[in-house]
Amino acid sequence: MSLKSQAGELLKYLVLSDPVVPYISIPAGVLASKLVYDLTDMISSVYFKSYSNLSRIQRVEWNNRAMSTVHAIFITAAALYMVFLSDLYSDQYFGPITFRNSTISTFGLGVSVGYFITDLVMILWFYPAIGGMEYVIHHLLSLLAVAYAMLTGEGQLYTYMVLISETTTPGINLRWYLDTAGMKKSKAYLINGIVIFFAWLVLQMHVFGQFLVFVVPSILWIMNLTWFSKIFRGLKKTLAKRQ
């Protein structure tokens, strides 16, 4: 085997081998977050006059929200692809959807884990300046859920379905930018609020749909079991009276 072929096989093993995907994707998520943070600081100091007038904590949050926005765009695109376009969860494959995963799906979740780790560390470091306890709890729960799906390969489809909710994050961050830049009375601020409202409305319908699909059948099953127990007790009483 030539040196080029050996290098290709090694690269294929390191990048595409499932056991090592988390060890590549998580650091990639951390490094990407740091890169976005530093680039935002550099670009904002040159092209946004209001940036230099911000306090140190406001500049930290400004850059942090840029990091959050880029992650939201990335994970939303990945989630939409995995849920609606990828054939990983189509009927052409056998086996439960719950246990289906691929290198790409695992890598995407790993990058998200890297982001959540970075953002959580920043929130704790500057606590409570850029986020209170609700942010800490949200990030811890998100980190645990996404990391579990990434490491075990279980429930990745449902994890991506939930991550579609990151669609609203860029709009929320833009609203903060407009407010911080003194544009709260601008038309852009008004349009942003309307877009966020309808985006949340659509997402809540999506969540309600998931509720109907996954929760309601369980509730109905419990109710049916309860009614069955009552019918069984009634039958026992009827038989006891006959005796």
Foldseek 3Di string as FASTA:
>chain_A
DDPVVVVVVVVCCCQFPLVNLLVPLLVVLQVVLVVQLVVCLVVCVPPPPLLVVDDPLVSNLLSNLSSLLVLLVLLLVVLCCVQPPDCQQPPVDDDDSQQTDGSSLLSNLSSVLNSLVNSLVVCVVPPPSNHYPVSNVVSVVLNVVSVCCNVRVGRSNVNSLVSNLSVLSVLVSVLVVCVSSVNCVPPVNVVSVVVSVVSVVVVVVSVVVVCVVPVVVVVVVVVVVVVVVVVVVVVVVVVVVVD
